[in-house]
């Protein structure tokens, strides 16, 4: 590990000023991803700016009936918050599906959005990786890609984003707020992650040195009727091989509103807008749910080892929407 400096930020402007003047510095929240990458030699910052004590640790209602979530709110506190559980149960369930209790106690909302892929080629500095070393190649395309992307990938990178929380946030139109030396800004989560294209190392649209200050969820009545479902290779503490966040509003057998987002299928949490369009105004039944999933997955381009993800996501969509139609949302567990 490279020797690095450390300092604790006393306020947001001070934290931003440090990174604005030092391109080799990094913000440190819970450290559950960054420190691991430093140990592996993937990340080599010259200085860490600890932002954990900044006053960004609250979950508050907004004037329009939504929620504002501070960037340093821990995953554990987010999942346990009564308003999150009541208004956006899929978000609470998604957070609880991620990592272990100890890691959730440390991990922060801002850091969760910025966590990097767990692709084995990315985390092994002895291997080429376009995300880590631009232009070096993507050995996953011809190598091990069982958990690779099926949507939005390119020949330059087939890694998937590992966040569970981000999938639920994507379904509910979250907006990321940030601070820079030039002032505050915001990005819809739909625009927060850059397309892979031929520059997979450019992962977000955040300006250089920007500090995430929070995430805002707009009011969404349908979100109170939501669930999150994750498929993984073992029962706990494992990244998804496929996941779905879903919300459904049905009246008189007709879908009035629906939200869908997929996880572990792309380099970002994948908002399933084609599936939503297919659902809204149509019948609430298993055939319609399957057709909606097919509408979204028509763009899928799986590789030889991850074709299973297409029927997996399709089946998850049908199962989750059927459960919402028949039984309503599950409480966060």
C-alpha atoms as a PDB file:
ATOM      1  CA  UNK A   1       0.000   0.000   0.000  1.00  0.00           C
ATOM      2  CA  UNK A   2       1.257   3.446  -0.873  1.00  0.00           C
ATOM      3  CA  UNK A   3       2.013   5.727   2.064  1.00  0.00           C
ATOM      4  CA  UNK A   4      -0.733   8.341   2.371  1.00  0.00           C
ATOM      5  CA  UNK A   5      -1.668  11.400   4.394  1.00  0.00           C
ATOM      6  CA  UNK A   6      -4.838  11.661   6.441  1.00  0.00           C
ATOM      7  CA  UNK A   7      -6.960  14.547   7.648  1.00  0.00           C
ATOM      8  CA  UNK A   8     -10.452  14.937   9.010  1.00  0.00           C
ATOM      9  CA  UNK A   9     -12.719  17.445   7.296  1.00  0.00           C
ATOM     10  CA  UNK A  10     -14.365  19.948   9.637  1.00  0.00           C
ATOM     11  CA  UNK A  11     -16.935  21.223   7.154  1.00  0.00           C
ATOM     12  CA  UNK A  12     -18.081  20.660   3.572  1.00  0.00           C
ATOM     13  CA  UNK A  13     -16.248  23.673   2.029  1.00  0.00           C
ATOM     14  CA  UNK A  14     -13.033  22.583   3.711  1.00  0.00           C
ATOM     15  CA  UNK A  15     -13.337  19.033   2.389  1.00  0.00           C
ATOM     16  CA  UNK A  16     -14.025  20.273  -1.128  1.00  0.00           C
ATOM     17  CA  UNK A  17     -11.114  22.707  -0.989  1.00  0.00           C
ATOM     18  CA  UNK A  18      -8.674  19.892  -0.209  1.00  0.00           C
ATOM     19  CA  UNK A  19      -9.700  17.738  -3.146  1.00  0.00           C
ATOM     20  CA  UNK A  20      -9.915  20.716  -5.445  1.00  0.00           C
ATOM     21  CA  UNK A  21      -6.232  21.354  -4.826  1.00  0.00           C
ATOM     22  CA  UNK A  22      -5.042  17.753  -4.768  1.00  0.00           C
ATOM     23  CA  UNK A  23      -6.093  15.418  -7.585  1.00  0.00           C
ATOM     24  CA  UNK A  24      -4.438  12.494  -5.763  1.00  0.00           C
ATOM     25  CA  UNK A  25      -6.649  12.882  -2.678  1.00  0.00           C
ATOM     26  CA  UNK A  26      -9.802  10.834  -2.017  1.00  0.00           C
ATOM     27  CA  UNK A  27     -12.759  11.255   0.277  1.00  0.00           C
ATOM     28  CA  UNK A  28     -13.038   8.617   2.985  1.00  0.00           C
ATOM     29  CA  UNK A  29     -16.460   7.679   4.359  1.00  0.00           C
ATOM     30  CA  UNK A  30     -16.902   4.221   5.829  1.00  0.00           C
ATOM     31  CA  UNK A  31     -13.928   2.920   3.852  1.00  0.00           C
ATOM     32  CA  UNK A  32     -15.573  -0.454   3.214  1.00  0.00           C
ATOM     33  CA  UNK A  33     -14.620  -0.382  -0.475  1.00  0.00           C
ATOM     34  CA  UNK A  34     -11.855   2.201  -0.788  1.00  0.00           C
ATOM     35  CA  UNK A  35      -9.613   0.686   1.881  1.00  0.00           C
ATOM     36  CA  UNK A  36      -9.910  -2.773   0.326  1.00  0.00           C
ATOM     37  CA  UNK A  37      -8.897  -1.329  -3.045  1.00  0.00           C
ATOM     38  CA  UNK A  38      -5.960   0.454  -1.448  1.00  0.00           C
ATOM     39  CA  UNK A  39      -4.773  -2.817   0.085  1.00  0.00           C
ATOM     40  CA  UNK A  40      -4.986  -4.476  -3.329  1.00  0.00           C
ATOM     41  CA  UNK A  41      -3.098  -1.630  -5.012  1.00  0.00           C
ATOM     42  CA  UNK A  42      -6.041  -0.672  -7.232  1.00  0.00           C
ATOM     43  CA  UNK A  43      -6.491   2.703  -5.535  1.00  0.00           C
ATOM     44  CA  UNK A  44      -3.343   4.623  -4.550  1.00  0.00           C
ATOM     45  CA  UNK A  45      -4.386   7.977  -3.097  1.00  0.00           C
ATOM     46  CA  UNK A  46      -1.755  10.319  -1.692  1.00  0.00           C
ATOM     47  CA  UNK A  47      -4.169  11.676   0.899  1.00  0.00           C
ATOM     48  CA  UNK A  48      -7.469  10.665   2.498  1.00  0.00           C
ATOM     49  CA  UNK A  49      -9.959  13.294   3.605  1.00  0.00           C
ATOM     50  CA  UNK A  50     -12.248  11.801   6.240  1.00  0.00           C
ATOM     51  CA  UNK A  51     -15.787  13.134   5.731  1.00  0.00           C
ATOM     52  CA  UNK A  52     -17.532  10.805   8.162  1.00  0.00           C
ATOM     53  CA  UNK A  53     -18.063  13.512  10.825  1.00  0.00           C
ATOM     54  CA  UNK A  54     -19.607  16.080   8.468  1.00  0.00           C
ATOM     55  CA  UNK A  55     -23.214  17.051   9.347  1.00  0.00           C
ATOM     56  CA  UNK A  56     -24.678  14.944   6.536  1.00  0.00           C
ATOM     57  CA  UNK A  57     -26.061  12.097   8.638  1.00  0.00           C
ATOM     58  CA  UNK A  58     -29.794  12.776   8.712  1.00  0.00           C
ATOM     59  CA  UNK A  59     -32.856  11.426   6.912  1.00  0.00           C
ATOM     60  CA  UNK A  60     -35.416  14.220   6.596  1.00  0.00           C
ATOM     61  CA  UNK A  61     -38.790  14.701   4.868  1.00  0.00           C
ATOM     62  CA  UNK A  62     -38.935  17.122   1.964  1.00  0.00           C
ATOM     63  CA  UNK A  63     -41.686  19.662   1.351  1.00  0.00           C
ATOM     64  CA  UNK A  64     -43.173  17.604  -1.490  1.00  0.00           C
ATOM     65  CA  UNK A  65     -43.506  14.415   0.570  1.00  0.00           C
ATOM     66  CA  UNK A  66     -40.207  12.804  -0.387  1.00  0.00           C
ATOM     67  CA  UNK A  67     -37.083  12.157   1.662  1.00  0.00           C
ATOM     68  CA  UNK A  68     -33.630  13.676   1.739  1.00  0.00           C
ATOM     69  CA  UNK A  69     -30.898  11.261   2.820  1.00  0.00           C
ATOM     70  CA  UNK A  70     -27.548  12.660   3.897  1.00  0.00           C
ATOM     71  CA  UNK A  71     -24.421  11.232   2.328  1.00  0.00           C
ATOM     72  CA  UNK A  72     -22.934  10.028   5.618  1.00  0.00           C
ATOM     73  CA  UNK A  73     -26.055   8.194   6.783  1.00  0.00           C
ATOM     74  CA  UNK A  74     -24.939   4.631   7.381  1.00  0.00           C
ATOM     75  CA  UNK A  75     -26.586   1.786   5.536  1.00  0.00           C
ATOM     76  CA  UNK A  76     -27.794   0.379   8.861  1.00  0.00           C
ATOM     77  CA  UNK A  77     -29.441   3.652   9.864  1.00  0.00           C
ATOM     78  CA  UNK A  78     -31.008   4.037   6.442  1.00  0.00           C
ATOM     79  CA  UNK A  79     -32.560   0.566   6.508  1.00  0.00           C
ATOM     80  CA  UNK A  80     -33.883   1.083  10.044  1.00  0.00           C
ATOM     81  CA  UNK A  81     -35.385   4.526   9.500  1.00  0.00           C
ATOM     82  CA  UNK A  82     -39.174   4.337   9.972  1.00  0.00           C
ATOM     83  CA  UNK A  83     -39.971   6.702   7.102  1.00  0.00           C
ATOM     84  CA  UNK A  84     -37.765   4.758   4.693  1.00  0.00           C
ATOM     85  CA  UNK A  85     -39.473   1.531   5.726  1.00  0.00           C
ATOM     86  CA  UNK A  86     -42.918   3.089   5.381  1.00  0.00           C
ATOM     87  CA  UNK A  87     -42.526   5.141   2.187  1.00  0.00           C
ATOM     88  CA  UNK A  88     -39.857   3.149   0.295  1.00  0.00           C
ATOM     89  CA  UNK A  89     -39.777  -0.419   1.698  1.00  0.00           C
ATOM     90  CA  UNK A  90     -37.861  -1.736  -1.320  1.00  0.00           C
ATOM     91  CA  UNK A  91     -35.009   0.610  -0.404  1.00  0.00           C
ATOM     92  CA  UNK A  92     -34.828  -0.717   3.153  1.00  0.00           C
ATOM     93  CA  UNK A  93     -34.939  -4.298   1.859  1.00  0.00           C
ATOM     94  CA  UNK A  94     -32.212  -3.593  -0.717  1.00  0.00           C
ATOM     95  CA  UNK A  95     -29.890  -2.166   1.921  1.00  0.00           C
ATOM     96  CA  UNK A  96     -30.461  -5.132   4.232  1.00  0.00           C
ATOM     97  CA  UNK A  97     -29.703  -7.497   1.344  1.00  0.00           C
ATOM     98  CA  UNK A  98     -26.239  -5.985   0.947  1.00  0.00           C
ATOM     99  CA  UNK A  99     -23.079  -6.965   2.826  1.00  0.00           C
ATOM    100  CA  UNK A 100     -23.058  -7.934   6.509  1.00  0.00           C
ATOM    101  CA  UNK A 101     -24.351  -6.126   9.564  1.00  0.00           C
ATOM    102  CA  UNK A 102     -20.857  -4.985  10.487  1.00  0.00           C
ATOM    103  CA  UNK A 103     -20.236  -3.526   7.039  1.00  0.00           C
ATOM    104  CA  UNK A 104     -23.652  -1.844   6.969  1.00  0.00           C
ATOM    105  CA  UNK A 105     -22.754  -0.167  10.246  1.00  0.00           C
ATOM    106  CA  UNK A 106     -19.751   1.465   8.545  1.00  0.00           C
ATOM    107  CA  UNK A 107     -20.804   1.928   4.915  1.00  0.00           C
ATOM    108  CA  UNK A 108     -22.367   5.258   3.947  1.00  0.00           C
ATOM    109  CA  UNK A 109     -24.949   6.270   1.358  1.00  0.00           C
ATOM    110  CA  UNK A 110     -22.504   8.412  -0.605  1.00  0.00           C
ATOM    111  CA  UNK A 111     -19.853   5.720  -0.582  1.00  0.00           C
ATOM    112  CA  UNK A 112     -22.345   3.061  -1.626  1.00  0.00           C
ATOM    113  CA  UNK A 113     -23.072   4.941  -4.841  1.00  0.00           C
ATOM    114  CA  UNK A 114     -19.365   5.327  -5.560  1.00  0.00           C
ATOM    115  CA  UNK A 115     -18.313   1.757  -4.816  1.00  0.00           C
ATOM    116  CA  UNK A 116     -16.479   0.139  -7.678  1.00  0.00           C
ATOM    117  CA  UNK A 117     -17.042  -3.127  -9.457  1.00  0.00           C
ATOM    118  CA  UNK A 118     -15.983  -6.415  -7.890  1.00  0.00           C
ATOM    119  CA  UNK A 119     -14.960  -7.833 -11.276  1.00  0.00           C
ATOM    120  CA  UNK A 120     -11.958 -10.087 -10.574  1.00  0.00           C
ATOM    121  CA  UNK A 121      -9.962  -8.580 -13.439  1.00  0.00           C
ATOM    122  CA  UNK A 122     -10.455  -5.077 -12.027  1.00  0.00           C
ATOM    123  CA  UNK A 123      -9.331  -6.016  -8.523  1.00  0.00           C
ATOM    124  CA  UNK A 124      -6.258  -7.973  -9.704  1.00  0.00           C
ATOM    125  CA  UNK A 125      -3.533  -5.498 -10.647  1.00  0.00           C
ATOM    126  CA  UNK A 126      -1.655  -8.287 -12.392  1.00  0.00           C
ATOM    127  CA  UNK A 127      -4.367  -8.431 -15.068  1.00  0.00           C
ATOM    128  CA  UNK A 128      -5.264  -5.901 -17.771  1.00  0.00           C
ATOM    129  CA  UNK A 129      -8.484  -3.936 -17.233  1.00  0.00           C
ATOM    130  CA  UNK A 130      -9.778  -0.925 -19.156  1.00  0.00           C
ATOM    131  CA  UNK A 131     -11.556   0.357 -16.076  1.00  0.00           C
ATOM    132  CA  UNK A 132      -8.323   0.358 -14.071  1.00  0.00           C
ATOM    133  CA  UNK A 133      -5.796   1.039 -16.856  1.00  0.00           C
ATOM    134  CA  UNK A 134      -7.493   2.627 -19.892  1.00  0.00           C
ATOM    135  CA  UNK A 135      -6.558   0.941 -23.142  1.00  0.00           C
ATOM    136  CA  UNK A 136      -5.155  -2.213 -21.557  1.00  0.00           C
ATOM    137  CA  UNK A 137      -8.082  -4.402 -22.641  1.00  0.00           C
ATOM    138  CA  UNK A 138     -10.976  -6.301 -21.109  1.00  0.00           C
ATOM    139  CA  UNK A 139     -10.014  -9.944 -20.588  1.00  0.00           C
ATOM    140  CA  UNK A 140     -13.463 -10.664 -19.142  1.00  0.00           C
ATOM    141  CA  UNK A 141     -15.009 -10.559 -22.629  1.00  0.00           C
ATOM    142  CA  UNK A 142     -13.220 -13.775 -23.618  1.00  0.00           C
ATOM    143  CA  UNK A 143     -12.483 -14.959 -20.076  1.00  0.00           C
ATOM    144  CA  UNK A 144     -14.537 -15.313 -16.898  1.00  0.00           C
ATOM    145  CA  UNK A 145     -17.747 -13.303 -17.286  1.00  0.00           C
ATOM    146  CA  UNK A 146     -20.387 -15.407 -15.564  1.00  0.00           C
ATOM    147  CA  UNK A 147     -21.535 -12.373 -13.585  1.00  0.00           C
ATOM    148  CA  UNK A 148     -20.900  -9.910 -16.390  1.00  0.00           C
ATOM    149  CA  UNK A 149     -23.280  -7.344 -17.825  1.00  0.00           C
ATOM    150  CA  UNK A 150     -26.062  -8.187 -20.260  1.00  0.00           C
ATOM    151  CA  UNK A 151     -27.322  -4.616 -20.775  1.00  0.00           C
ATOM    152  CA  UNK A 152     -25.442  -1.464 -21.730  1.00  0.00           C
ATOM    153  CA  UNK A 153     -22.023  -3.103 -21.926  1.00  0.00           C
ATOM    154  CA  UNK A 154     -19.419  -2.773 -24.657  1.00  0.00           C
ATOM    155  CA  UNK A 155     -16.394  -4.625 -25.928  1.00  0.00           C
ATOM    156  CA  UNK A 156     -14.335  -2.396 -23.630  1.00  0.00           C
ATOM    157  CA  UNK A 157     -15.964  -3.507 -20.352  1.00  0.00           C
ATOM    158  CA  UNK A 158     -18.593  -5.994 -19.174  1.00  0.00           C
ATOM    159  CA  UNK A 159     -18.308  -5.372 -15.419  1.00  0.00           C
ATOM    160  CA  UNK A 160     -21.452  -4.831 -13.332  1.00  0.00           C
ATOM    161  CA  UNK A 161     -22.151  -2.292 -10.615  1.00  0.00           C
ATOM    162  CA  UNK A 162     -22.377  -4.041  -7.232  1.00  0.00           C
ATOM    163  CA  UNK A 163     -24.819  -1.788  -5.335  1.00  0.00           C
ATOM    164  CA  UNK A 164     -28.128  -3.131  -4.012  1.00  0.00           C
ATOM    165  CA  UNK A 165     -29.147   0.246  -2.611  1.00  0.00           C
ATOM    166  CA  UNK A 166     -28.608   1.911  -5.975  1.00  0.00           C
ATOM    167  CA  UNK A 167     -31.126  -0.378  -7.660  1.00  0.00           C
ATOM    168  CA  UNK A 168     -33.943   0.786  -5.393  1.00  0.00           C
ATOM    169  CA  UNK A 169     -32.839   4.406  -5.682  1.00  0.00           C
ATOM    170  CA  UNK A 170     -32.925   4.097  -9.471  1.00  0.00           C
ATOM    171  CA  UNK A 171     -36.493   2.793  -9.383  1.00  0.00           C
ATOM    172  CA  UNK A 172     -37.662   5.829  -7.425  1.00  0.00           C
ATOM    173  CA  UNK A 173     -36.020   8.623  -9.448  1.00  0.00           C
ATOM    174  CA  UNK A 174     -33.388   9.531  -6.876  1.00  0.00           C
ATOM    175  CA  UNK A 175     -31.399  12.739  -7.328  1.00  0.00           C
ATOM    176  CA  UNK A 176     -27.797  12.994  -6.105  1.00  0.00           C
ATOM    177  CA  UNK A 177     -26.712  16.335  -4.655  1.00  0.00           C
ATOM    178  CA  UNK A 178     -23.072  17.367  -4.448  1.00  0.00           C
ATOM    179  CA  UNK A 179     -20.800  20.266  -3.594  1.00  0.00           C
ATOM    180  CA  UNK A 180     -17.836  21.628  -5.521  1.00  0.00           C
ATOM    181  CA  UNK A 181     -15.587  24.656  -5.140  1.00  0.00           C
ATOM    182  CA  UNK A 182     -17.864  26.378  -7.669  1.00  0.00           C
ATOM    183  CA  UNK A 183     -20.983  25.658  -5.611  1.00  0.00           C
ATOM    184  CA  UNK A 184     -23.665  22.995  -5.262  1.00  0.00           C
ATOM    185  CA  UNK A 185     -25.034  20.810  -8.026  1.00  0.00           C
ATOM    186  CA  UNK A 186     -27.320  17.861  -8.601  1.00  0.00           C
ATOM    187  CA  UNK A 187     -27.589  14.874 -10.914  1.00  0.00           C
ATOM    188  CA  UNK A 188     -30.522  12.565 -11.466  1.00  0.00           C
ATOM    189  CA  UNK A 189     -29.361   9.049 -10.694  1.00  0.00           C
ATOM    190  CA  UNK A 190     -30.291   8.185 -14.285  1.00  0.00           C
ATOM    191  CA  UNK A 191     -27.509  10.577 -15.384  1.00  0.00           C
ATOM    192  CA  UNK A 192     -25.105   9.950 -12.513  1.00  0.00           C
ATOM    193  CA  UNK A 193     -23.373   6.919 -14.077  1.00  0.00           C
ATOM    194  CA  UNK A 194     -21.751   7.355 -17.482  1.00  0.00           C
ATOM    195  CA  UNK A 195     -22.386   4.871 -20.300  1.00  0.00           C
ATOM    196  CA  UNK A 196     -19.533   2.380 -20.682  1.00  0.00           C
ATOM    197  CA  UNK A 197     -18.705   3.111 -24.311  1.00  0.00           C
ATOM    198  CA  UNK A 198     -14.966   3.137 -24.865  1.00  0.00           C
ATOM    199  CA  UNK A 199     -14.217   4.961 -21.587  1.00  0.00           C
ATOM    200  CA  UNK A 200     -15.221   2.571 -18.782  1.00  0.00           C
ATOM    201  CA  UNK A 201     -12.729   4.254 -16.437  1.00  0.00           C
ATOM    202  CA  UNK A 202     -14.974   7.348 -16.418  1.00  0.00           C
ATOM    203  CA  UNK A 203     -17.653   5.949 -14.153  1.00  0.00           C
ATOM    204  CA  UNK A 204     -19.733   8.932 -13.006  1.00  0.00           C
ATOM    205  CA  UNK A 205     -20.688  12.387 -14.228  1.00  0.00           C
ATOM    206  CA  UNK A 206     -19.566  14.029 -10.974  1.00  0.00           C
ATOM    207  CA  UNK A 207     -17.257  17.013 -11.528  1.00  0.00           C
ATOM    208  CA  UNK A 208     -13.672  16.532 -10.387  1.00  0.00           C
ATOM    209  CA  UNK A 209     -13.342  16.912  -6.634  1.00  0.00           C
ATOM    210  CA  UNK A 210     -17.093  16.896  -6.029  1.00  0.00           C
ATOM    211  CA  UNK A 211     -18.346  15.699  -2.661  1.00  0.00           C
ATOM    212  CA  UNK A 212     -21.691  13.909  -2.582  1.00  0.00           C
ATOM    213  CA  UNK A 213     -23.800  15.592   0.109  1.00  0.00           C
ATOM    214  CA  UNK A 214     -27.002  13.574  -0.153  1.00  0.00           C
ATOM    215  CA  UNK A 215     -29.666  11.782  -2.124  1.00  0.00           C
ATOM    216  CA  UNK A 216     -33.205  13.080  -2.540  1.00  0.00           C
ATOM    217  CA  UNK A 217     -36.150  10.805  -3.225  1.00  0.00           C
ATOM    218  CA  UNK A 218     -39.151  12.625  -4.686  1.00  0.00           C
ATOM    219  CA  UNK A 219     -42.633  11.805  -3.462  1.00  0.00           C
ATOM    220  CA  UNK A 220     -43.866   8.595  -5.097  1.00  0.00           C
ATOM    221  CA  UNK A 221     -47.048   7.043  -3.665  1.00  0.00           C
ATOM    222  CA  UNK A 222     -46.397   3.827  -5.601  1.00  0.00           C
ATOM    223  CA  UNK A 223     -43.085   3.400  -3.742  1.00  0.00           C
ATOM    224  CA  UNK A 224     -44.932   2.502  -0.539  1.00  0.00           C
ATOM    225  CA  UNK A 225     -46.082  -0.631  -2.368  1.00  0.00           C
ATOM    226  CA  UNK A 226     -42.650  -1.976  -3.302  1.00  0.00           C
ATOM    227  CA  UNK A 227     -40.277  -4.887  -2.797  1.00  0.00           C
ATOM    228  CA  UNK A 228     -36.687  -5.812  -3.553  1.00  0.00           C
ATOM    229  CA  UNK A 229     -35.572  -9.306  -4.465  1.00  0.00           C
ATOM    230  CA  UNK A 230     -31.960 -10.442  -4.846  1.00  0.00           C
ATOM    231  CA  UNK A 231     -30.563 -13.711  -6.182  1.00  0.00           C
ATOM    232  CA  UNK A 232     -27.059 -14.621  -5.015  1.00  0.00           C
ATOM    233  CA  UNK A 233     -24.875 -17.678  -4.858  1.00  0.00           C
ATOM    234  CA  UNK A 234     -25.061 -18.043  -1.082  1.00  0.00           C
ATOM    235  CA  UNK A 235     -27.603 -17.008   1.523  1.00  0.00           C
ATOM    236  CA  UNK A 236     -25.786 -13.991   2.939  1.00  0.00           C
ATOM    237  CA  UNK A 237     -22.944 -11.539   2.341  1.00  0.00           C
ATOM    238  CA  UNK A 238     -22.727 -12.070  -1.402  1.00  0.00           C
ATOM    239  CA  UNK A 239     -23.125  -9.767  -4.361  1.00  0.00           C
ATOM    240  CA  UNK A 240     -26.124 -10.280  -6.599  1.00  0.00           C
ATOM    241  CA  UNK A 241     -26.126 -12.318  -9.760  1.00  0.00           C
ATOM    242  CA  UNK A 242     -29.443 -10.609 -10.482  1.00  0.00           C
ATOM    243  CA  UNK A 243     -31.855  -8.391  -8.571  1.00  0.00           C
ATOM    244  CA  UNK A 244     -35.055  -6.429  -9.071  1.00  0.00           C
ATOM    245  CA  UNK A 245     -36.646  -3.495  -7.269  1.00  0.00           C
ATOM    246  CA  UNK A 246     -40.340  -3.245  -8.094  1.00  0.00           C
ATOM    247  CA  UNK A 247     -43.319  -1.104  -7.130  1.00  0.00           C
ATOM    248  CA  UNK A 248     -46.880  -1.630  -8.350  1.00  0.00           C
ATOM    249  CA  UNK A 249     -50.193   0.191  -8.123  1.00  0.00           C
ATOM    250  CA  UNK A 250     -53.179  -1.815  -9.351  1.00  0.00           C
ATOM    251  CA  UNK A 251     -56.833  -0.742  -9.418  1.00  0.00           C
ATOM    252  CA  UNK A 252     -59.686  -2.837 -10.816  1.00  0.00           C
ATOM    253  CA  UNK A 253     -57.188  -5.228 -12.398  1.00  0.00           C
ATOM    254  CA  UNK A 254     -55.332  -2.488 -14.291  1.00  0.00           C
ATOM    255  CA  UNK A 255     -51.798  -1.281 -13.589  1.00  0.00           C
ATOM    256  CA  UNK A 256     -51.997   2.424 -12.755  1.00  0.00           C
ATOM    257  CA  UNK A 257     -48.307   2.891 -11.965  1.00  0.00           C
ATOM    258  CA  UNK A 258     -45.192   0.717 -11.894  1.00  0.00           C
ATOM    259  CA  UNK A 259     -41.509   1.118 -11.159  1.00  0.00           C
ATOM    260  CA  UNK A 260     -38.801  -1.390 -12.050  1.00  0.00           C
ATOM    261  CA  UNK A 261     -35.038  -1.424 -11.807  1.00  0.00           C
ATOM    262  CA  UNK A 262     -32.557  -4.277 -12.242  1.00  0.00           C
ATOM    263  CA  UNK A 263     -29.259  -4.955 -10.503  1.00  0.00           C
ATOM    264  CA  UNK A 264     -26.133  -6.930 -11.505  1.00  0.00           C
ATOM    265  CA  UNK A 265     -27.015  -6.639 -15.195  1.00  0.00           C
ATOM    266  CA  UNK A 266     -25.118  -3.485 -16.203  1.00  0.00           C
ATOM    267  CA  UNK A 267     -22.372  -1.079 -15.203  1.00  0.00           C
ATOM    268  CA  UNK A 268     -25.014   0.927 -13.339  1.00  0.00           C
ATOM    269  CA  UNK A 269     -28.340   0.233 -11.625  1.00  0.00           C
ATOM    270  CA  UNK A 270     -30.625  -0.345 -14.603  1.00  0.00           C
ATOM    271  CA  UNK A 271     -33.958   1.500 -14.712  1.00  0.00           C
ATOM    272  CA  UNK A 272     -36.348  -0.664 -16.735  1.00  0.00           C
ATOM    273  CA  UNK A 273     -38.276   2.082 -18.518  1.00  0.00           C
ATOM    274  CA  UNK A 274     -39.401  -0.081 -21.436  1.00  0.00           C
ATOM    275  CA  UNK A 275     -40.906  -2.575 -19.000  1.00  0.00           C
ATOM    276  CA  UNK A 276     -42.660   0.216 -17.093  1.00  0.00           C
ATOM    277  CA  UNK A 277     -44.211   1.595 -20.286  1.00  0.00           C
ATOM    278  CA  UNK A 278     -45.436  -1.870 -21.198  1.00  0.00           C
ATOM    279  CA  UNK A 279     -47.055  -2.330 -17.790  1.00  0.00           C
ATOM    280  CA  UNK A 280     -48.831   0.975 -17.195  1.00  0.00           C
ATOM    281  CA  UNK A 281     -52.429   0.908 -18.409  1.00  0.00           C
ATOM    282  CA  UNK A 282     -52.367  -2.830 -19.031  1.00  0.00           C
ATOM    283  CA  UNK A 283     -53.724  -5.834 -17.154  1.00  0.00           C
ATOM    284  CA  UNK A 284     -52.237  -6.922 -13.863  1.00  0.00           C
ATOM    285  CA  UNK A 285     -51.434 -10.554 -14.572  1.00  0.00           C
ATOM    286  CA  UNK A 286     -48.452 -12.847 -15.023  1.00  0.00           C
ATOM    287  CA  UNK A 287     -48.588 -12.761 -18.822  1.00  0.00           C
ATOM    288  CA  UNK A 288     -48.413  -8.969 -18.827  1.00  0.00           C
ATOM    289  CA  UNK A 289     -45.549  -9.009 -16.332  1.00  0.00           C
ATOM    290  CA  UNK A 290     -43.588 -11.458 -18.497  1.00  0.00           C
ATOM    291  CA  UNK A 291     -44.233  -9.393 -21.618  1.00  0.00           C
ATOM    292  CA  UNK A 292     -43.018  -6.267 -19.837  1.00  0.00           C
ATOM    293  CA  UNK A 293     -39.817  -8.012 -18.779  1.00  0.00           C
ATOM    294  CA  UNK A 294     -39.318  -9.238 -22.334  1.00  0.00           C
ATOM    295  CA  UNK A 295     -39.717  -5.678 -23.633  1.00  0.00           C
ATOM    296  CA  UNK A 296     -36.819  -4.545 -21.442  1.00  0.00           C
ATOM    297  CA  UNK A 297     -34.636  -7.596 -21.998  1.00  0.00           C
ATOM    298  CA  UNK A 298     -34.986  -7.430 -25.787  1.00  0.00           C
ATOM    299  CA  UNK A 299     -31.886  -5.221 -25.708  1.00  0.00           C
ATOM    300  CA  UNK A 300     -29.863  -7.768 -23.723  1.00  0.00           C
ATOM    301  CA  UNK A 301     -26.597  -8.966 -25.241  1.00  0.00           C
ATOM    302  CA  UNK A 302     -25.391 -11.747 -22.960  1.00  0.00           C
ATOM    303  CA  UNK A 303     -22.042 -13.451 -23.376  1.00  0.00           C
ATOM    304  CA  UNK A 304     -21.543 -17.201 -23.429  1.00  0.00           C
ATOM    305  CA  UNK A 305     -21.427 -17.676 -19.641  1.00  0.00           C
ATOM    306  CA  UNK A 306     -24.142 -15.263 -18.512  1.00  0.00           C
ATOM    307  CA  UNK A 307     -27.103 -16.088 -20.728  1.00  0.00           C
ATOM    308  CA  UNK A 308     -28.813 -17.379 -17.567  1.00  0.00           C
ATOM    309  CA  UNK A 309     -29.342 -13.791 -16.450  1.00  0.00           C
ATOM    310  CA  UNK A 310     -32.031 -13.149 -19.058  1.00  0.00           C
ATOM    311  CA  UNK A 311     -34.514 -15.775 -17.793  1.00  0.00           C
ATOM    312  CA  UNK A 312     -33.419 -15.064 -14.219  1.00  0.00           C
ATOM    313  CA  UNK A 313     -34.417 -11.407 -14.413  1.00  0.00           C
ATOM    314  CA  UNK A 314     -37.572 -12.269 -16.340  1.00  0.00           C
ATOM    315  CA  UNK A 315     -38.648 -14.729 -13.672  1.00  0.00           C
ATOM    316  CA  UNK A 316     -37.785 -12.294 -10.877  1.00  0.00           C
ATOM    317  CA  UNK A 317     -39.942  -9.607 -12.462  1.00  0.00           C
ATOM    318  CA  UNK A 318     -42.933 -11.925 -12.813  1.00  0.00           C
ATOM    319  CA  UNK A 319     -42.582 -13.301  -9.281  1.00  0.00           C
ATOM    320  CA  UNK A 320     -42.088  -9.924  -7.631  1.00  0.00           C
ATOM    321  CA  UNK A 321     -44.928  -8.165  -9.440  1.00  0.00           C
ATOM    322  CA  UNK A 322     -47.249 -11.084  -8.749  1.00  0.00           C
ATOM    323  CA  UNK A 323     -46.402 -10.902  -5.056  1.00  0.00           C
ATOM    324  CA  UNK A 324     -47.058  -7.160  -4.997  1.00  0.00           C
ATOM    325  CA  UNK A 325     -50.355  -7.618  -6.787  1.00  0.00           C
ATOM    326  CA  UNK A 326     -51.530 -10.370  -4.455  1.00  0.00           C
ATOM    327  CA  UNK A 327     -49.920  -9.627  -1.104  1.00  0.00           C
ATOM    328  CA  UNK A 328     -48.547  -6.113  -0.981  1.00  0.00           C
ATOM    329  CA  UNK A 329     -45.098  -5.035   0.233  1.00  0.00           C
ATOM    330  CA  UNK A 330     -43.083  -7.057   2.691  1.00  0.00           C
ATOM    331  CA  UNK A 331     -41.769  -5.302   5.761  1.00  0.00           C
ATOM    332  CA  UNK A 332     -38.037  -4.668   5.810  1.00  0.00           C
ATOM    333  CA  UNK A 333     -36.440  -7.555   7.677  1.00  0.00           C
END
